[in-house]
C-alpha atoms as a PDB file:
ATOM      1  CA  UNK A   1      17.126  56.758   7.609  1.00  0.00           C
ATOM      2  CA  UNK A   2      18.872  53.763   9.327  1.00  0.00           C
ATOM      3  CA  UNK A   3      22.480  54.177  10.231  1.00  0.00           C
ATOM      4  CA  UNK A   4      25.335  52.079   8.827  1.00  0.00           C
ATOM      5  CA  UNK A   5      25.759  50.388  12.213  1.00  0.00           C
ATOM      6  CA  UNK A   6      22.111  49.291  12.240  1.00  0.00           C
ATOM      7  CA  UNK A   7      22.363  47.846   8.724  1.00  0.00           C
ATOM      8  CA  UNK A   8      25.512  45.886   9.597  1.00  0.00           C
ATOM      9  CA  UNK A   9      23.867  44.547  12.772  1.00  0.00           C
ATOM     10  CA  UNK A  10      20.843  43.224  10.855  1.00  0.00           C
ATOM     11  CA  UNK A  11      23.077  41.651   8.190  1.00  0.00           C
ATOM     12  CA  UNK A  12      25.174  39.817  10.787  1.00  0.00           C
ATOM     13  CA  UNK A  13      22.027  38.561  12.546  1.00  0.00           C
ATOM     14  CA  UNK A  14      20.580  37.185   9.303  1.00  0.00           C
ATOM     15  CA  UNK A  15      23.822  35.438   8.408  1.00  0.00           C
ATOM     16  CA  UNK A  16      24.010  33.829  11.837  1.00  0.00           C
ATOM     17  CA  UNK A  17      20.416  32.601  11.577  1.00  0.00           C
ATOM     18  CA  UNK A  18      21.151  31.020   8.205  1.00  0.00           C
ATOM     19  CA  UNK A  19      24.216  29.200   9.497  1.00  0.00           C
ATOM     20  CA  UNK A  20      22.692  28.089  12.805  1.00  0.00           C
ATOM     21  CA  UNK A  21      20.732  24.989  11.561  1.00  0.00           C
ATOM     22  CA  UNK A  22      23.802  23.656   9.785  1.00  0.00           C
ATOM     23  CA  UNK A  23      25.856  24.001  12.934  1.00  0.00           C
ATOM     24  CA  UNK A  24      23.221  22.246  15.019  1.00  0.00           C
ATOM     25  CA  UNK A  25      22.923  19.090  12.840  1.00  0.00           C
ATOM     26  CA  UNK A  26      26.150  18.483  10.969  1.00  0.00           C
ATOM     27  CA  UNK A  27      26.046  14.957   9.456  1.00  0.00           C
ATOM     28  CA  UNK A  28      28.835  12.542  10.298  1.00  0.00           C
ATOM     29  CA  UNK A  29      31.054  11.264   7.444  1.00  0.00           C
ATOM     30  CA  UNK A  30      29.421   7.809   7.747  1.00  0.00           C
ATOM     31  CA  UNK A  31      25.957   9.281   7.306  1.00  0.00           C
ATOM     32  CA  UNK A  32      27.088  11.297   4.317  1.00  0.00           C
ATOM     33  CA  UNK A  33      28.580   8.196   2.626  1.00  0.00           C
ATOM     34  CA  UNK A  34      25.464   6.097   3.201  1.00  0.00           C
ATOM     35  CA  UNK A  35      23.186   8.859   1.970  1.00  0.00           C
ATOM     36  CA  UNK A  36      25.258   9.177  -1.177  1.00  0.00           C
ATOM     37  CA  UNK A  37      25.166   5.408  -1.781  1.00  0.00           C
ATOM     38  CA  UNK A  38      21.409   5.194  -1.437  1.00  0.00           C
ATOM     39  CA  UNK A  39      20.491   8.323  -3.377  1.00  0.00           C
ATOM     40  CA  UNK A  40      17.905   7.104  -5.938  1.00  0.00           C
ATOM     41  CA  UNK A  41      17.580   8.324  -9.458  1.00  0.00           C
ATOM     42  CA  UNK A  42      14.435  10.124 -10.467  1.00  0.00           C
ATOM     43  CA  UNK A  43      11.516   7.690 -10.405  1.00  0.00           C
ATOM     44  CA  UNK A  44      13.640   4.766  -9.154  1.00  0.00           C
ATOM     45  CA  UNK A  45      13.847   3.075  -5.780  1.00  0.00           C
ATOM     46  CA  UNK A  46      17.126   3.412  -3.921  1.00  0.00           C
ATOM     47  CA  UNK A  47      19.291   0.271  -4.108  1.00  0.00           C
ATOM     48  CA  UNK A  48      19.716  -2.072  -1.180  1.00  0.00           C
ATOM     49  CA  UNK A  49      23.209  -1.673   0.312  1.00  0.00           C
ATOM     50  CA  UNK A  50      24.743  -4.406   2.466  1.00  0.00           C
ATOM     51  CA  UNK A  51      28.110  -3.145   3.713  1.00  0.00           C
ATOM     52  CA  UNK A  52      31.138  -5.386   4.102  1.00  0.00           C
ATOM     53  CA  UNK A  53      31.693  -6.786   7.585  1.00  0.00           C
ATOM     54  CA  UNK A  54      29.790  -8.962  10.039  1.00  0.00           C
ATOM     55  CA  UNK A  55      26.165  -8.614  11.062  1.00  0.00           C
ATOM     56  CA  UNK A  56      23.769 -10.872  13.013  1.00  0.00           C
ATOM     57  CA  UNK A  57      21.322 -12.721  10.799  1.00  0.00           C
ATOM     58  CA  UNK A  58      18.397 -11.167  12.674  1.00  0.00           C
ATOM     59  CA  UNK A  59      19.627  -7.693  11.721  1.00  0.00           C
ATOM     60  CA  UNK A  60      19.926  -8.709   8.066  1.00  0.00           C
ATOM     61  CA  UNK A  61      16.367 -10.073   8.148  1.00  0.00           C
ATOM     62  CA  UNK A  62      15.085  -6.811   9.629  1.00  0.00           C
ATOM     63  CA  UNK A  63      16.911  -4.695   7.049  1.00  0.00           C
ATOM     64  CA  UNK A  64      15.733  -6.808   4.124  1.00  0.00           C
ATOM     65  CA  UNK A  65      12.199  -6.871   5.514  1.00  0.00           C
ATOM     66  CA  UNK A  66      12.092  -3.077   5.651  1.00  0.00           C
ATOM     67  CA  UNK A  67      13.510  -2.714   2.136  1.00  0.00           C
ATOM     68  CA  UNK A  68      11.293  -5.386   0.563  1.00  0.00           C
ATOM     69  CA  UNK A  69       8.213  -4.205   2.484  1.00  0.00           C
ATOM     70  CA  UNK A  70       7.692  -7.766   3.758  1.00  0.00           C
ATOM     71  CA  UNK A  71       6.422  -8.866   7.152  1.00  0.00           C
ATOM     72  CA  UNK A  72       8.858 -11.607   8.187  1.00  0.00           C
ATOM     73  CA  UNK A  73       8.130 -13.487  11.416  1.00  0.00           C
ATOM     74  CA  UNK A  74      11.133 -14.998  13.181  1.00  0.00           C
ATOM     75  CA  UNK A  75      10.738 -17.478  16.036  1.00  0.00           C
ATOM     76  CA  UNK A  76      13.811 -17.656  18.269  1.00  0.00           C
ATOM     77  CA  UNK A  77      13.332 -21.424  18.667  1.00  0.00           C
ATOM     78  CA  UNK A  78      13.837 -21.910  14.909  1.00  0.00           C
ATOM     79  CA  UNK A  79      17.126 -19.997  15.049  1.00  0.00           C
ATOM     80  CA  UNK A  80      18.222 -21.958  18.109  1.00  0.00           C
ATOM     81  CA  UNK A  81      17.979 -25.198  16.099  1.00  0.00           C
ATOM     82  CA  UNK A  82      20.636 -23.840  13.763  1.00  0.00           C
ATOM     83  CA  UNK A  83      22.721 -21.979  16.330  1.00  0.00           C
ATOM     84  CA  UNK A  84      23.052 -24.836  18.807  1.00  0.00           C
ATOM     85  CA  UNK A  85      23.134 -27.762  16.395  1.00  0.00           C
ATOM     86  CA  UNK A  86      21.502 -29.858  19.103  1.00  0.00           C
ATOM     87  CA  UNK A  87      17.916 -29.804  17.875  1.00  0.00           C
ATOM     88  CA  UNK A  88      18.211 -32.350  15.063  1.00  0.00           C
ATOM     89  CA  UNK A  89      20.292 -34.769  17.127  1.00  0.00           C
ATOM     90  CA  UNK A  90      17.868 -34.627  20.036  1.00  0.00           C
ATOM     91  CA  UNK A  91      14.864 -35.306  17.827  1.00  0.00           C
ATOM     92  CA  UNK A  92      16.721 -38.219  16.215  1.00  0.00           C
ATOM     93  CA  UNK A  93      16.966 -39.798  19.691  1.00  0.00           C
ATOM     94  CA  UNK A  94      13.231 -39.364  20.156  1.00  0.00           C
ATOM     95  CA  UNK A  95      13.210 -36.425  22.553  1.00  0.00           C
ATOM     96  CA  UNK A  96      12.793 -32.687  22.218  1.00  0.00           C
ATOM     97  CA  UNK A  97      15.834 -30.399  22.490  1.00  0.00           C
ATOM     98  CA  UNK A  98      16.475 -28.869  25.882  1.00  0.00           C
ATOM     99  CA  UNK A  99      14.844 -25.457  26.152  1.00  0.00           C
ATOM    100  CA  UNK A 100      14.575 -24.824  29.870  1.00  0.00           C
ATOM    101  CA  UNK A 101      17.220 -22.122  30.012  1.00  0.00           C
ATOM    102  CA  UNK A 102      16.645 -18.721  28.526  1.00  0.00           C
ATOM    103  CA  UNK A 103      18.374 -18.407  25.145  1.00  0.00           C
ATOM    104  CA  UNK A 104      21.411 -16.188  25.108  1.00  0.00           C
ATOM    105  CA  UNK A 105      21.455 -13.216  22.780  1.00  0.00           C
ATOM    106  CA  UNK A 106      24.363 -14.646  20.788  1.00  0.00           C
ATOM    107  CA  UNK A 107      22.453 -17.945  20.301  1.00  0.00           C
ATOM    108  CA  UNK A 108      19.501 -16.322  18.541  1.00  0.00           C
ATOM    109  CA  UNK A 109      21.008 -16.565  15.101  1.00  0.00           C
ATOM    110  CA  UNK A 110      24.177 -17.020  13.046  1.00  0.00           C
ATOM    111  CA  UNK A 111      26.529 -14.216  12.105  1.00  0.00           C
ATOM    112  CA  UNK A 112      26.712 -13.186   8.437  1.00  0.00           C
ATOM    113  CA  UNK A 113      30.048 -12.013   7.047  1.00  0.00           C
ATOM    114  CA  UNK A 114      30.755 -10.268   3.774  1.00  0.00           C
ATOM    115  CA  UNK A 115      34.205  -9.416   2.480  1.00  0.00           C
ATOM    116  CA  UNK A 116      32.845  -6.953  -0.088  1.00  0.00           C
ATOM    117  CA  UNK A 117      29.712  -4.763  -0.046  1.00  0.00           C
ATOM    118  CA  UNK A 118      26.632  -5.747  -2.027  1.00  0.00           C
ATOM    119  CA  UNK A 119      24.534  -3.134  -3.821  1.00  0.00           C
ATOM    120  CA  UNK A 120      21.436  -4.560  -5.485  1.00  0.00           C
ATOM    121  CA  UNK A 121      17.751  -4.043  -6.303  1.00  0.00           C
ATOM    122  CA  UNK A 122      14.500  -5.503  -4.937  1.00  0.00           C
ATOM    123  CA  UNK A 123      14.890  -8.955  -6.499  1.00  0.00           C
ATOM    124  CA  UNK A 124      18.576  -9.069  -5.625  1.00  0.00           C
ATOM    125  CA  UNK A 125      17.805  -8.220  -2.005  1.00  0.00           C
ATOM    126  CA  UNK A 126      15.304 -11.076  -1.758  1.00  0.00           C
ATOM    127  CA  UNK A 127      17.749 -13.498  -3.402  1.00  0.00           C
ATOM    128  CA  UNK A 128      20.526 -12.380  -1.045  1.00  0.00           C
ATOM    129  CA  UNK A 129      18.310 -12.905   1.987  1.00  0.00           C
ATOM    130  CA  UNK A 130      17.092 -16.359   0.902  1.00  0.00           C
ATOM    131  CA  UNK A 131      20.649 -17.421   0.026  1.00  0.00           C
ATOM    132  CA  UNK A 132      22.007 -16.356   3.412  1.00  0.00           C
ATOM    133  CA  UNK A 133      19.155 -18.153   5.170  1.00  0.00           C
ATOM    134  CA  UNK A 134      19.657 -21.243   3.005  1.00  0.00           C
ATOM    135  CA  UNK A 135      23.383 -21.451   3.733  1.00  0.00           C
ATOM    136  CA  UNK A 136      22.545 -21.467   7.459  1.00  0.00           C
ATOM    137  CA  UNK A 137      19.911 -24.191   7.277  1.00  0.00           C
ATOM    138  CA  UNK A 138      16.919 -21.830   7.228  1.00  0.00           C
ATOM    139  CA  UNK A 139      14.166 -21.162   4.711  1.00  0.00           C
ATOM    140  CA  UNK A 140      11.946 -18.170   3.978  1.00  0.00           C
ATOM    141  CA  UNK A 141       8.403 -19.539   3.896  1.00  0.00           C
ATOM    142  CA  UNK A 142       5.325 -17.733   2.592  1.00  0.00           C
ATOM    143  CA  UNK A 143       2.433 -17.534   5.051  1.00  0.00           C
ATOM    144  CA  UNK A 144       0.435 -15.230   2.755  1.00  0.00           C
ATOM    145  CA  UNK A 145       2.275 -14.470  -0.464  1.00  0.00           C
ATOM    146  CA  UNK A 146      -0.339 -11.950  -1.646  1.00  0.00           C
ATOM    147  CA  UNK A 147      -0.038  -9.927   1.549  1.00  0.00           C
ATOM    148  CA  UNK A 148       3.778 -10.325   1.741  1.00  0.00           C
ATOM    149  CA  UNK A 149       3.709 -12.166   5.071  1.00  0.00           C
ATOM    150  CA  UNK A 150       6.523 -14.667   5.593  1.00  0.00           C
ATOM    151  CA  UNK A 151       8.280 -16.577   8.334  1.00  0.00           C
ATOM    152  CA  UNK A 152      11.672 -18.211   8.813  1.00  0.00           C
ATOM    153  CA  UNK A 153      11.763 -21.968   9.491  1.00  0.00           C
ATOM    154  CA  UNK A 154      14.669 -24.276  10.236  1.00  0.00           C
ATOM    155  CA  UNK A 155      15.175 -27.098   7.738  1.00  0.00           C
ATOM    156  CA  UNK A 156      15.904 -29.467  10.631  1.00  0.00           C
ATOM    157  CA  UNK A 157      13.252 -28.022  12.946  1.00  0.00           C
ATOM    158  CA  UNK A 158      10.000 -29.557  14.099  1.00  0.00           C
ATOM    159  CA  UNK A 159       8.079 -27.610  11.428  1.00  0.00           C
ATOM    160  CA  UNK A 160      10.384 -28.533   8.561  1.00  0.00           C
ATOM    161  CA  UNK A 161       7.625 -30.318   6.616  1.00  0.00           C
ATOM    162  CA  UNK A 162       5.691 -27.054   6.407  1.00  0.00           C
ATOM    163  CA  UNK A 163       8.420 -25.675   4.143  1.00  0.00           C
ATOM    164  CA  UNK A 164       7.227 -27.890   1.285  1.00  0.00           C
ATOM    165  CA  UNK A 165       3.562 -27.344   2.087  1.00  0.00           C
ATOM    166  CA  UNK A 166       3.899 -23.549   1.721  1.00  0.00           C
ATOM    167  CA  UNK A 167       5.361 -23.593  -1.810  1.00  0.00           C
ATOM    168  CA  UNK A 168       4.169 -20.667  -3.937  1.00  0.00           C
ATOM    169  CA  UNK A 169       2.456 -21.488  -7.233  1.00  0.00           C
ATOM    170  CA  UNK A 170       4.385 -19.993 -10.171  1.00  0.00           C
ATOM    171  CA  UNK A 171       4.358 -20.424 -13.924  1.00  0.00           C
ATOM    172  CA  UNK A 172       7.447 -21.923 -15.639  1.00  0.00           C
ATOM    173  CA  UNK A 173       8.212 -18.465 -17.057  1.00  0.00           C
ATOM    174  CA  UNK A 174       8.163 -16.901 -13.580  1.00  0.00           C
ATOM    175  CA  UNK A 175      10.440 -19.644 -12.274  1.00  0.00           C
ATOM    176  CA  UNK A 176      12.957 -19.198 -15.100  1.00  0.00           C
ATOM    177  CA  UNK A 177      12.941 -15.420 -14.628  1.00  0.00           C
ATOM    178  CA  UNK A 178      14.501 -15.820 -11.150  1.00  0.00           C
ATOM    179  CA  UNK A 179      16.695 -18.942 -11.160  1.00  0.00           C
ATOM    180  CA  UNK A 180      18.693 -17.894  -8.060  1.00  0.00           C
ATOM    181  CA  UNK A 181      15.755 -17.534  -5.651  1.00  0.00           C
ATOM    182  CA  UNK A 182      15.815 -20.007  -2.762  1.00  0.00           C
ATOM    183  CA  UNK A 183      12.167 -20.123  -1.758  1.00  0.00           C
ATOM    184  CA  UNK A 184       9.800 -23.018  -2.331  1.00  0.00           C
ATOM    185  CA  UNK A 185       8.029 -22.972  -5.697  1.00  0.00           C
ATOM    186  CA  UNK A 186       5.385 -25.141  -7.339  1.00  0.00           C
ATOM    187  CA  UNK A 187       4.901 -25.246 -11.100  1.00  0.00           C
ATOM    188  CA  UNK A 188       3.383 -27.389 -13.837  1.00  0.00           C
ATOM    189  CA  UNK A 189       5.326 -28.047 -17.033  1.00  0.00           C
ATOM    190  CA  UNK A 190       3.417 -29.151 -20.123  1.00  0.00           C
ATOM    191  CA  UNK A 191       5.508 -31.075 -22.638  1.00  0.00           C
ATOM    192  CA  UNK A 192       4.734 -31.116 -26.342  1.00  0.00           C
ATOM    193  CA  UNK A 193       7.062 -33.690 -27.854  1.00  0.00           C
ATOM    194  CA  UNK A 194       8.370 -36.065 -25.181  1.00  0.00           C
ATOM    195  CA  UNK A 195       6.621 -38.438 -22.800  1.00  0.00           C
ATOM    196  CA  UNK A 196       6.227 -37.025 -19.291  1.00  0.00           C
ATOM    197  CA  UNK A 197       6.869 -40.369 -17.548  1.00  0.00           C
ATOM    198  CA  UNK A 198      10.075 -40.953 -19.514  1.00  0.00           C
ATOM    199  CA  UNK A 199      11.167 -37.374 -18.782  1.00  0.00           C
ATOM    200  CA  UNK A 200      10.498 -37.901 -15.076  1.00  0.00           C
ATOM    201  CA  UNK A 201      12.610 -41.062 -15.009  1.00  0.00           C
ATOM    202  CA  UNK A 202      15.404 -39.306 -16.898  1.00  0.00           C
ATOM    203  CA  UNK A 203      15.517 -36.363 -14.470  1.00  0.00           C
ATOM    204  CA  UNK A 204      15.592 -38.376 -11.245  1.00  0.00           C
ATOM    205  CA  UNK A 205      19.343 -39.171 -11.274  1.00  0.00           C
ATOM    206  CA  UNK A 206      20.156 -35.456 -11.626  1.00  0.00           C
ATOM    207  CA  UNK A 207      18.061 -34.387  -8.623  1.00  0.00           C
ATOM    208  CA  UNK A 208      18.176 -37.518  -6.481  1.00  0.00           C
ATOM    209  CA  UNK A 209      18.319 -36.730  -2.769  1.00  0.00           C
ATOM    210  CA  UNK A 210      20.428 -38.518  -0.210  1.00  0.00           C
ATOM    211  CA  UNK A 211      18.894 -40.220   2.792  1.00  0.00           C
ATOM    212  CA  UNK A 212      19.777 -37.389   5.202  1.00  0.00           C
ATOM    213  CA  UNK A 213      18.565 -34.522   3.024  1.00  0.00           C
ATOM    214  CA  UNK A 214      16.464 -31.842   4.659  1.00  0.00           C
ATOM    215  CA  UNK A 215      12.809 -31.712   3.553  1.00  0.00           C
ATOM    216  CA  UNK A 216      13.360 -28.239   2.147  1.00  0.00           C
ATOM    217  CA  UNK A 217      16.385 -29.110   0.021  1.00  0.00           C
ATOM    218  CA  UNK A 218      14.899 -31.702  -2.334  1.00  0.00           C
ATOM    219  CA  UNK A 219      13.088 -31.471  -5.646  1.00  0.00           C
ATOM    220  CA  UNK A 220       9.919 -33.488  -6.212  1.00  0.00           C
ATOM    221  CA  UNK A 221       8.755 -34.379  -9.744  1.00  0.00           C
ATOM    222  CA  UNK A 222       5.318 -35.958 -10.064  1.00  0.00           C
ATOM    223  CA  UNK A 223       3.236 -37.150 -13.004  1.00  0.00           C
ATOM    224  CA  UNK A 224      -0.354 -35.939 -13.080  1.00  0.00           C
ATOM    225  CA  UNK A 225      -1.848 -38.917 -14.898  1.00  0.00           C
ATOM    226  CA  UNK A 226      -1.282 -37.941 -18.519  1.00  0.00           C
ATOM    227  CA  UNK A 227       1.650 -38.156 -20.913  1.00  0.00           C
ATOM    228  CA  UNK A 228       2.359 -34.453 -21.216  1.00  0.00           C
ATOM    229  CA  UNK A 229       2.371 -32.764 -17.780  1.00  0.00           C
ATOM    230  CA  UNK A 230       4.702 -32.813 -14.798  1.00  0.00           C
ATOM    231  CA  UNK A 231       4.387 -31.144 -11.394  1.00  0.00           C
ATOM    232  CA  UNK A 232       7.642 -29.834  -9.934  1.00  0.00           C
ATOM    233  CA  UNK A 233       7.992 -28.517  -6.407  1.00  0.00           C
ATOM    234  CA  UNK A 234      11.049 -27.616  -4.375  1.00  0.00           C
ATOM    235  CA  UNK A 235      13.551 -24.780  -3.971  1.00  0.00           C
ATOM    236  CA  UNK A 236      13.043 -22.435  -6.916  1.00  0.00           C
ATOM    237  CA  UNK A 237      16.658 -22.621  -8.091  1.00  0.00           C
ATOM    238  CA  UNK A 238      16.315 -26.424  -8.394  1.00  0.00           C
ATOM    239  CA  UNK A 239      12.913 -26.134 -10.070  1.00  0.00           C
ATOM    240  CA  UNK A 240      14.389 -23.653 -12.558  1.00  0.00           C
ATOM    241  CA  UNK A 241      17.191 -26.076 -13.473  1.00  0.00           C
ATOM    242  CA  UNK A 242      14.727 -28.918 -14.038  1.00  0.00           C
ATOM    243  CA  UNK A 243      12.377 -26.745 -16.101  1.00  0.00           C
ATOM    244  CA  UNK A 244      15.272 -25.552 -18.267  1.00  0.00           C
ATOM    245  CA  UNK A 245      16.370 -29.135 -18.917  1.00  0.00           C
ATOM    246  CA  UNK A 246      12.833 -30.191 -19.820  1.00  0.00           C
ATOM    247  CA  UNK A 247      12.367 -27.327 -22.262  1.00  0.00           C
ATOM    248  CA  UNK A 248      15.692 -28.018 -23.961  1.00  0.00           C
ATOM    249  CA  UNK A 249      14.894 -31.736 -24.279  1.00  0.00           C
ATOM    250  CA  UNK A 250      11.324 -31.178 -25.492  1.00  0.00           C
ATOM    251  CA  UNK A 251      12.175 -31.128 -29.231  1.00  0.00           C
ATOM    252  CA  UNK A 252      10.020 -32.334 -32.131  1.00  0.00           C
ATOM    253  CA  UNK A 253      10.282 -36.024 -32.971  1.00  0.00           C
ATOM    254  CA  UNK A 254      11.121 -35.178 -36.576  1.00  0.00           C
ATOM    255  CA  UNK A 255      14.630 -34.319 -35.474  1.00  0.00           C
ATOM    256  CA  UNK A 256      15.258 -37.845 -34.161  1.00  0.00           C
ATOM    257  CA  UNK A 257      14.842 -39.652 -37.530  1.00  0.00           C
ATOM    258  CA  UNK A 258      17.196 -37.132 -39.087  1.00  0.00           C
ATOM    259  CA  UNK A 259      19.832 -37.915 -36.477  1.00  0.00           C
ATOM    260  CA  UNK A 260      19.324 -41.624 -36.991  1.00  0.00           C
ATOM    261  CA  UNK A 261      19.563 -41.265 -40.748  1.00  0.00           C
ATOM    262  CA  UNK A 262      22.818 -39.333 -40.461  1.00  0.00           C
ATOM    263  CA  UNK A 263      24.237 -41.939 -38.119  1.00  0.00           C
ATOM    264  CA  UNK A 264      23.118 -44.748 -40.459  1.00  0.00           C
ATOM    265  CA  UNK A 265      24.904 -43.113 -43.393  1.00  0.00           C
ATOM    266  CA  UNK A 266      28.093 -42.824 -41.309  1.00  0.00           C
ATOM    267  CA  UNK A 267      27.911 -46.491 -40.335  1.00  0.00           C
ATOM    268  CA  UNK A 268      27.237 -47.505 -43.941  1.00  0.00           C
ATOM    269  CA  UNK A 269      30.297 -45.583 -45.122  1.00  0.00           C
ATOM    270  CA  UNK A 270      32.449 -47.203 -42.420  1.00  0.00           C
ATOM    271  CA  UNK A 271      31.118 -50.616 -43.423  1.00  0.00           C
ATOM    272  CA  UNK A 272      31.967 -49.941 -47.067  1.00  0.00           C
ATOM    273  CA  UNK A 273      35.565 -49.081 -46.150  1.00  0.00           C
ATOM    274  CA  UNK A 274      35.880 -52.230 -44.018  1.00  0.00           C
ATOM    275  CA  UNK A 275      34.494 -54.411 -46.808  1.00  0.00           C
ATOM    276  CA  UNK A 276      37.015 -52.935 -49.260  1.00  0.00           C
ATOM    277  CA  UNK A 277      39.864 -53.642 -46.867  1.00  0.00           C
ATOM    278  CA  UNK A 278      38.620 -57.201 -46.400  1.00  0.00           C
ATOM    279  CA  UNK A 279      38.510 -57.748 -50.181  1.00  0.00           C
ATOM    280  CA  UNK A 280      42.051 -56.444 -50.570  1.00  0.00           C
ATOM    281  CA  UNK A 281      43.226 -58.749 -47.796  1.00  0.00           C
ATOM    282  CA  UNK A 282      41.587 -61.785 -49.481  1.00  0.00           C
ATOM    283  CA  UNK A 283      43.317 -60.959 -52.787  1.00  0.00           C
ATOM    284  CA  UNK A 284      46.689 -60.825 -51.062  1.00  0.00           C
ATOM    285  CA  UNK A 285      46.106 -64.142 -49.328  1.00  0.00           C
ATOM    286  CA  UNK A 286      44.925 -65.847 -52.538  1.00  0.00           C
ATOM    287  CA  UNK A 287      47.999 -64.556 -54.423  1.00  0.00           C
ATOM    288  CA  UNK A 288      50.285 -66.262 -51.987  1.00  0.00           C
END
């Protein structure tokens, strides 16, 4: 029969073995906080957390890419166009920007600053990324939308025209579902009650571009040869605004005669009052 000393020795050894792993890998307070923030509910993906502070744009792209499960290609020369501010001016003078020297690490992209943290989901992460790129003169362009392969292009870079060419085809419903997304979208709107050419002419003043607008910041509205369809292509948040306006204006023609009839009745009543006042004035003048 084992002695009391032996039993106590075994108990102490077991307790030490149980505590040893915890002592070897104690998490830091920062790791504990981040793990708590990103703890997903059952069956749900953990939210994307962008802490307050400053972070290089390249780091934000990498973090969003990992969360979204996107392959995002970033060419340092595209970021240099934005960081230096010399690319567009050099091309305007008919020569390429100087690129002989090796780019410095700090010139490979802007710095993103947030005063408050952002906690969001998959769609919110993509909208945050495209908004941050947009505000720095960059665009997220789809190379293969089905395979989630993208690249970042400068709106003033030598490949700026490719931003429009890589617009993703979406239905009007898909566009309206995400009105804050700043990627290029292409959609076709079919009108039921108003003429497409007249609608196109009416929308142009609202989305007219200035002469120095970047190719990726304008909205194009094109007729397709009939009276009912319009093609819209441009940044999705602009396309969404135009689609919403078209749908609200596309009302049955039967409502127009009713409005005209109501207005006619109002004018007739005003005319009747004026005629009565004129008759009273004539009576007063004749009495004198």
